[in-house]
Amino acid sequence: MNIKREVSVNKVKKDAEESFGGYYCCEAVMASIRDNFELDVPKEVIAMSTGMAVGAGKSGCMCGALNGGILALGMLFGRTEKNGPTDPQAVKCMELTNELHAWFKEATGKNSVCCRVLTREFDTRNGEHAAQCARFTGLCAQKVAEIIIREMGLTNTDNMAEEA
């Protein structure tokens, strides 16, 4: 898969946050990763994430932003061959997914990945709920971008600007 070698993690985050509202959280993460890394995958990868939003089909289970991050990691580090549970590619993808999951629980400050828990204090009709979801969407896209850059030996152009 072709991938852009230099990416701004801050732009990945910003694009995901700005896409939230037009896209669901999961779709916004996938679109931001796909577009910023210039992945040569069809836009249907965004469509396949639609049902994972709002805790999977609006069920309120696992946060859609986290679901989008997991799908993005799978797209880049997952496997396509039936090589069993000890396949190094599958093991690596699971490790990265676990890293993202553990990070998300801590980063939200709510020690949960459950959409219902993350949003329970909000009236879903007011702006605070949407603002929090946009923030979590951006944070998740940012962390996924950091993992991709680290694992693939790419360059975060934000670091280049800091060093200059």
C-alpha atoms as a PDB file:
ATOM      1  CA  MET A   1       0.000   0.000   0.000  1.00  0.00           C
ATOM      2  CA  ASN A   2       1.311   3.427  -0.898  1.00  0.00           C
ATOM      3  CA  ILE A   3       1.475   5.849   2.006  1.00  0.00           C
ATOM      4  CA  LYS A   4       2.582   9.448   2.382  1.00  0.00           C
ATOM      5  CA  ARG A   5       5.981   9.556   4.123  1.00  0.00           C
ATOM      6  CA  GLU A   6       5.497  12.905   5.895  1.00  0.00           C
ATOM      7  CA  VAL A   7       2.293  13.756   7.735  1.00  0.00           C
ATOM      8  CA  SER A   8       1.181  16.449  10.181  1.00  0.00           C
ATOM      9  CA  VAL A   9      -0.361  14.748  13.206  1.00  0.00           C
ATOM     10  CA  ASN A  10      -1.946  18.075  14.166  1.00  0.00           C
ATOM     11  CA  LYS A  11      -3.660  18.254  10.759  1.00  0.00           C
ATOM     12  CA  VAL A  12      -4.938  14.676  11.145  1.00  0.00           C
ATOM     13  CA  LYS A  13      -6.501  15.705  14.461  1.00  0.00           C
ATOM     14  CA  LYS A  14      -7.927  18.970  13.093  1.00  0.00           C
ATOM     15  CA  ASP A  15      -9.393  17.313   9.998  1.00  0.00           C
ATOM     16  CA  ALA A  16     -11.081  14.614  12.108  1.00  0.00           C
ATOM     17  CA  GLU A  17     -12.564  17.208  14.457  1.00  0.00           C
ATOM     18  CA  GLU A  18     -13.804  19.324  11.561  1.00  0.00           C
ATOM     19  CA  SER A  19     -15.291  16.299   9.781  1.00  0.00           C
ATOM     20  CA  PHE A  20     -17.293  15.357  12.864  1.00  0.00           C
ATOM     21  CA  GLY A  21     -20.862  16.494  12.376  1.00  0.00           C
ATOM     22  CA  GLY A  22     -20.854  15.872   8.640  1.00  0.00           C
ATOM     23  CA  TYR A  23     -19.462  12.433   9.369  1.00  0.00           C
ATOM     24  CA  TYR A  24     -20.011  10.363  12.471  1.00  0.00           C
ATOM     25  CA  CYS A  25     -16.997   9.992  14.773  1.00  0.00           C
ATOM     26  CA  CYS A  26     -15.884   6.683  13.275  1.00  0.00           C
ATOM     27  CA  GLU A  27     -16.143   7.941   9.707  1.00  0.00           C
ATOM     28  CA  ALA A  28     -14.269  11.143  10.584  1.00  0.00           C
ATOM     29  CA  VAL A  29     -11.316   9.172  11.990  1.00  0.00           C
ATOM     30  CA  MET A  30     -11.193   6.891   8.940  1.00  0.00           C
ATOM     31  CA  ALA A  31     -11.484   9.799   6.481  1.00  0.00           C
ATOM     32  CA  SER A  32      -8.784  11.809   8.215  1.00  0.00           C
ATOM     33  CA  ILE A  33      -6.348   8.883   8.277  1.00  0.00           C
ATOM     34  CA  ARG A  34      -7.123   7.901   4.678  1.00  0.00           C
ATOM     35  CA  ASP A  35      -6.814  11.432   3.337  1.00  0.00           C
ATOM     36  CA  ASN A  36      -3.827  12.694   5.327  1.00  0.00           C
ATOM     37  CA  PHE A  37      -1.732   9.590   4.721  1.00  0.00           C
ATOM     38  CA  GLU A  38      -2.916   9.633   1.076  1.00  0.00           C
ATOM     39  CA  LEU A  39      -3.729   5.931   1.242  1.00  0.00           C
ATOM     40  CA  ASP A  40      -4.528   4.290  -2.059  1.00  0.00           C
ATOM     41  CA  VAL A  41      -7.697   2.694  -0.751  1.00  0.00           C
ATOM     42  CA  PRO A  42     -11.225   3.411  -1.981  1.00  0.00           C
ATOM     43  CA  LYS A  43     -13.542   5.794  -0.143  1.00  0.00           C
ATOM     44  CA  GLU A  44     -15.591   2.711   0.739  1.00  0.00           C
ATOM     45  CA  VAL A  45     -13.315   2.269   3.768  1.00  0.00           C
ATOM     46  CA  ILE A  46     -15.131   5.295   5.170  1.00  0.00           C
ATOM     47  CA  ALA A  47     -18.487   3.735   4.302  1.00  0.00           C
ATOM     48  CA  MET A  48     -17.579   0.485   6.031  1.00  0.00           C
ATOM     49  CA  SER A  49     -17.101   2.431   9.259  1.00  0.00           C
ATOM     50  CA  THR A  50     -20.522   4.099   9.229  1.00  0.00           C
ATOM     51  CA  GLY A  51     -22.261   1.406  11.251  1.00  0.00           C
ATOM     52  CA  MET A  52     -19.591   1.500  13.971  1.00  0.00           C
ATOM     53  CA  ALA A  53     -20.532   5.045  14.981  1.00  0.00           C
ATOM     54  CA  VAL A  54     -22.300   6.091  18.183  1.00  0.00           C
ATOM     55  CA  GLY A  55     -21.179   2.934  19.927  1.00  0.00           C
ATOM     56  CA  ALA A  56     -21.997   0.602  16.998  1.00  0.00           C
ATOM     57  CA  GLY A  57     -25.285   1.415  15.323  1.00  0.00           C
ATOM     58  CA  LYS A  58     -26.299   3.921  18.000  1.00  0.00           C
ATOM     59  CA  SER A  59     -26.234   1.169  20.635  1.00  0.00           C
ATOM     60  CA  GLY A  60     -23.980   3.224  22.890  1.00  0.00           C
ATOM     61  CA  CYS A  61     -21.374   0.479  23.255  1.00  0.00           C
ATOM     62  CA  MET A  62     -17.728   1.118  22.322  1.00  0.00           C
ATOM     63  CA  CYS A  63     -17.061   4.727  21.284  1.00  0.00           C
ATOM     64  CA  GLY A  64     -17.221   5.182  17.536  1.00  0.00           C
ATOM     65  CA  ALA A  65     -14.036   7.259  17.456  1.00  0.00           C
ATOM     66  CA  LEU A  66     -12.185   4.329  19.022  1.00  0.00           C
ATOM     67  CA  ASN A  67     -13.890   1.949  16.598  1.00  0.00           C
ATOM     68  CA  GLY A  68     -12.640   4.133  13.731  1.00  0.00           C
ATOM     69  CA  GLY A  69      -9.126   4.090  15.130  1.00  0.00           C
ATOM     70  CA  ILE A  70      -9.184   0.310  15.405  1.00  0.00           C
ATOM     71  CA  LEU A  71     -10.446  -0.009  11.827  1.00  0.00           C
ATOM     72  CA  ALA A  72      -7.700   2.327  10.603  1.00  0.00           C
ATOM     73  CA  LEU A  73      -5.039   0.289  12.396  1.00  0.00           C
ATOM     74  CA  GLY A  74      -6.472  -2.896  10.932  1.00  0.00           C
ATOM     75  CA  MET A  75      -6.448  -1.379   7.458  1.00  0.00           C
ATOM     76  CA  LEU A  76      -2.705  -0.737   7.741  1.00  0.00           C
ATOM     77  CA  PHE A  77      -1.471  -3.494  10.040  1.00  0.00           C
ATOM     78  CA  GLY A  78      -4.108  -6.220   9.732  1.00  0.00           C
ATOM     79  CA  ARG A  79      -3.896  -9.356   7.666  1.00  0.00           C
ATOM     80  CA  THR A  80      -5.700 -10.869   4.726  1.00  0.00           C
ATOM     81  CA  GLU A  81      -4.513 -14.482   5.001  1.00  0.00           C
ATOM     82  CA  LYS A  82      -5.771 -17.255   7.308  1.00  0.00           C
ATOM     83  CA  ASN A  83      -2.526 -17.882   9.188  1.00  0.00           C
ATOM     84  CA  GLY A  84      -3.905 -18.627  12.648  1.00  0.00           C
ATOM     85  CA  PRO A  85      -3.762 -16.699  15.910  1.00  0.00           C
ATOM     86  CA  THR A  86       0.030 -16.725  16.151  1.00  0.00           C
ATOM     87  CA  ASP A  87       0.517 -15.000  12.779  1.00  0.00           C
ATOM     88  CA  PRO A  88       3.003 -12.183  13.553  1.00  0.00           C
ATOM     89  CA  GLN A  89       0.959  -9.695  11.525  1.00  0.00           C
ATOM     90  CA  ALA A  90      -2.190 -10.487  13.531  1.00  0.00           C
ATOM     91  CA  VAL A  91      -0.275 -10.401  16.812  1.00  0.00           C
ATOM     92  CA  LYS A  92       1.181  -6.977  15.960  1.00  0.00           C
ATOM     93  CA  CYS A  93      -2.208  -5.562  14.941  1.00  0.00           C
ATOM     94  CA  MET A  94      -3.732  -6.816  18.193  1.00  0.00           C
ATOM     95  CA  GLU A  95      -0.909  -5.206  20.201  1.00  0.00           C
ATOM     96  CA  LEU A  96      -1.452  -1.856  18.486  1.00  0.00           C
ATOM     97  CA  THR A  97      -5.209  -2.106  18.999  1.00  0.00           C
ATOM     98  CA  ASN A  98      -4.678  -2.861  22.688  1.00  0.00           C
ATOM     99  CA  GLU A  99      -2.336   0.128  22.960  1.00  0.00           C
ATOM    100  CA  LEU A 100      -4.979   2.410  21.421  1.00  0.00           C
ATOM    101  CA  HIS A 101      -7.728   0.992  23.643  1.00  0.00           C
ATOM    102  CA  ALA A 102      -5.716   1.461  26.861  1.00  0.00           C
ATOM    103  CA  TRP A 103      -4.624   4.941  25.809  1.00  0.00           C
ATOM    104  CA  PHE A 104      -8.207   5.980  24.991  1.00  0.00           C
ATOM    105  CA  LYS A 105      -9.522   4.946  28.416  1.00  0.00           C
ATOM    106  CA  GLU A 106      -6.928   7.153  30.074  1.00  0.00           C
ATOM    107  CA  ALA A 107      -6.982  10.049  27.579  1.00  0.00           C
ATOM    108  CA  THR A 108     -10.724  10.623  27.971  1.00  0.00           C
ATOM    109  CA  GLY A 109     -10.311  10.941  31.726  1.00  0.00           C
ATOM    110  CA  LYS A 110     -13.326   8.666  32.200  1.00  0.00           C
ATOM    111  CA  ASN A 111     -11.595   5.251  32.343  1.00  0.00           C
ATOM    112  CA  SER A 112     -14.076   3.870  29.857  1.00  0.00           C
ATOM    113  CA  VAL A 113     -14.523   3.208  26.151  1.00  0.00           C
ATOM    114  CA  CYS A 114     -18.309   2.909  26.417  1.00  0.00           C
ATOM    115  CA  CYS A 115     -20.192   5.628  24.530  1.00  0.00           C
ATOM    116  CA  ARG A 116     -22.977   5.641  27.133  1.00  0.00           C
ATOM    117  CA  VAL A 117     -20.469   6.200  29.960  1.00  0.00           C
ATOM    118  CA  LEU A 118     -18.524   8.833  28.034  1.00  0.00           C
ATOM    119  CA  THR A 119     -21.662  10.850  27.284  1.00  0.00           C
ATOM    120  CA  ARG A 120     -23.912  10.132  30.274  1.00  0.00           C
ATOM    121  CA  GLU A 121     -23.728  13.599  31.814  1.00  0.00           C
ATOM    122  CA  PHE A 122     -24.811  15.316  28.588  1.00  0.00           C
ATOM    123  CA  ASP A 123     -28.145  16.022  27.044  1.00  0.00           C
ATOM    124  CA  THR A 124     -27.494  14.772  23.515  1.00  0.00           C
ATOM    125  CA  ARG A 125     -29.419  17.728  22.129  1.00  0.00           C
ATOM    126  CA  ASN A 126     -26.967  20.329  23.466  1.00  0.00           C
ATOM    127  CA  GLY A 127     -23.593  21.430  22.144  1.00  0.00           C
ATOM    128  CA  GLU A 128     -21.482  20.069  25.007  1.00  0.00           C
ATOM    129  CA  HIS A 129     -22.129  16.502  23.884  1.00  0.00           C
ATOM    130  CA  ALA A 130     -21.104  17.241  20.287  1.00  0.00           C
ATOM    131  CA  ALA A 131     -18.052  19.228  21.430  1.00  0.00           C
ATOM    132  CA  GLN A 132     -16.826  16.335  23.558  1.00  0.00           C
ATOM    133  CA  CYS A 133     -17.370  13.825  20.757  1.00  0.00           C
ATOM    134  CA  ALA A 134     -15.515  16.045  18.272  1.00  0.00           C
ATOM    135  CA  ARG A 135     -12.640  16.338  20.757  1.00  0.00           C
ATOM    136  CA  PHE A 136     -12.485  12.567  21.336  1.00  0.00           C
ATOM    137  CA  THR A 137     -12.641  12.020  17.563  1.00  0.00           C
ATOM    138  CA  GLY A 138      -9.674  14.338  17.042  1.00  0.00           C
ATOM    139  CA  LEU A 139      -7.693  12.820  19.893  1.00  0.00           C
ATOM    140  CA  CYS A 140      -8.241   9.307  18.593  1.00  0.00           C
ATOM    141  CA  ALA A 141      -7.253  10.228  15.028  1.00  0.00           C
ATOM    142  CA  GLN A 142      -4.160  11.947  16.405  1.00  0.00           C
ATOM    143  CA  LYS A 143      -3.104   8.891  18.420  1.00  0.00           C
ATOM    144  CA  VAL A 144      -3.683   6.566  15.465  1.00  0.00           C
ATOM    145  CA  ALA A 145      -1.534   8.864  13.294  1.00  0.00           C
ATOM    146  CA  GLU A 146       1.216   8.797  15.939  1.00  0.00           C
ATOM    147  CA  ILE A 147       1.115   4.987  16.026  1.00  0.00           C
ATOM    148  CA  ILE A 148       1.222   4.734  12.213  1.00  0.00           C
ATOM    149  CA  ILE A 149       4.141   7.155  12.006  1.00  0.00           C
ATOM    150  CA  ARG A 150       6.061   5.322  14.723  1.00  0.00           C
ATOM    151  CA  GLU A 151       5.429   1.829  13.383  1.00  0.00           C
ATOM    152  CA  MET A 152       6.088   2.661   9.727  1.00  0.00           C
ATOM    153  CA  GLY A 153       9.094   4.914  10.317  1.00  0.00           C
ATOM    154  CA  LEU A 154       7.354   7.943   8.809  1.00  0.00           C
ATOM    155  CA  THR A 155       7.905  11.606   9.649  1.00  0.00           C
ATOM    156  CA  ASN A 156       5.620  13.820  11.712  1.00  0.00           C
ATOM    157  CA  THR A 157       6.029  17.201  10.028  1.00  0.00           C
ATOM    158  CA  ASP A 158       4.915  18.911  13.254  1.00  0.00           C
ATOM    159  CA  ASN A 159       8.201  17.773  14.819  1.00  0.00           C
ATOM    160  CA  MET A 160      10.113  19.240  11.878  1.00  0.00           C
ATOM    161  CA  ALA A 161       8.521  22.639  12.530  1.00  0.00           C
ATOM    162  CA  GLU A 162       9.409  22.437  16.247  1.00  0.00           C
ATOM    163  CA  GLU A 163      13.049  21.625  15.457  1.00  0.00           C
ATOM    164  CA  ALA A 164      13.441  24.522  13.007  1.00  0.00           C
END
